[in-house]
């Protein structure tokens, strides 16, 4: 799905999948560093 950096392509691939069988494993956040750091403070990060 993420072989390119083209957002619209990613959205089309996502929409084509069956929502009931998706296995989502990630999270994305965007915002000012100070705010994002406060929101994720204490979360276990993927290694």
Protein backbone atom coordinates (compact mmCIF):
# COMPACT_ATOMS: atom_id res chain seq x y z
CA UNK A 1 0.00 0.00 0.00
CA UNK A 2 2.73 2.50 0.86
CA UNK A 3 5.12 1.78 -1.98
CA UNK A 4 4.71 5.39 -3.08
CA UNK A 5 4.38 8.70 -1.27
CA UNK A 6 1.19 9.55 -3.16
CA UNK A 7 -1.61 10.11 -0.64
CA UNK A 8 -4.50 9.77 -3.11
CA UNK A 9 -3.19 6.37 -4.28
CA UNK A 10 -3.00 5.17 -0.66
CA UNK A 11 -6.57 6.31 -0.03
CA UNK A 12 -7.85 4.43 -3.09
CA UNK A 13 -6.12 1.20 -2.00
CA UNK A 14 -7.55 1.59 1.50
CA UNK A 15 -11.10 2.20 0.20
CA UNK A 16 -10.91 -0.92 -1.99
CA UNK A 17 -10.34 -3.21 1.03
CA UNK A 18 -13.11 -4.87 3.03
CA UNK A 19 -13.38 -2.86 6.28
CA UNK A 20 -14.32 -5.95 8.31
CA UNK A 21 -11.19 -7.87 7.35
CA UNK A 22 -8.59 -5.09 7.74
CA UNK A 23 -5.71 -5.69 10.12
CA UNK A 24 -4.59 -2.18 11.05
CA UNK A 25 -1.31 -1.97 12.91
CA UNK A 26 -0.20 1.65 12.88
CA UNK A 27 -0.98 5.17 13.92
CA UNK A 28 0.01 8.47 12.40
CA UNK A 29 0.01 11.90 14.02
CA UNK A 30 0.78 15.33 12.75
CA UNK A 31 1.02 18.54 14.68
CA UNK A 32 3.32 20.83 16.58
CA UNK A 33 6.13 18.79 18.20
CA UNK A 34 5.33 20.04 21.69
CA UNK A 35 1.66 18.98 21.41
CA UNK A 36 2.39 15.59 19.83
CA UNK A 37 5.05 14.85 22.45
CA UNK A 38 2.53 15.61 25.21
CA UNK A 39 -0.14 13.37 23.62
CA UNK A 40 2.17 10.34 23.18
CA UNK A 41 4.06 10.73 26.46
CA UNK A 42 4.26 7.36 28.18
CA UNK A 43 3.18 5.32 25.15
CA UNK A 44 5.25 2.29 24.27
CA UNK A 45 6.88 2.95 20.90
CA UNK A 46 7.34 0.33 18.18
CA UNK A 47 10.87 -1.08 18.02
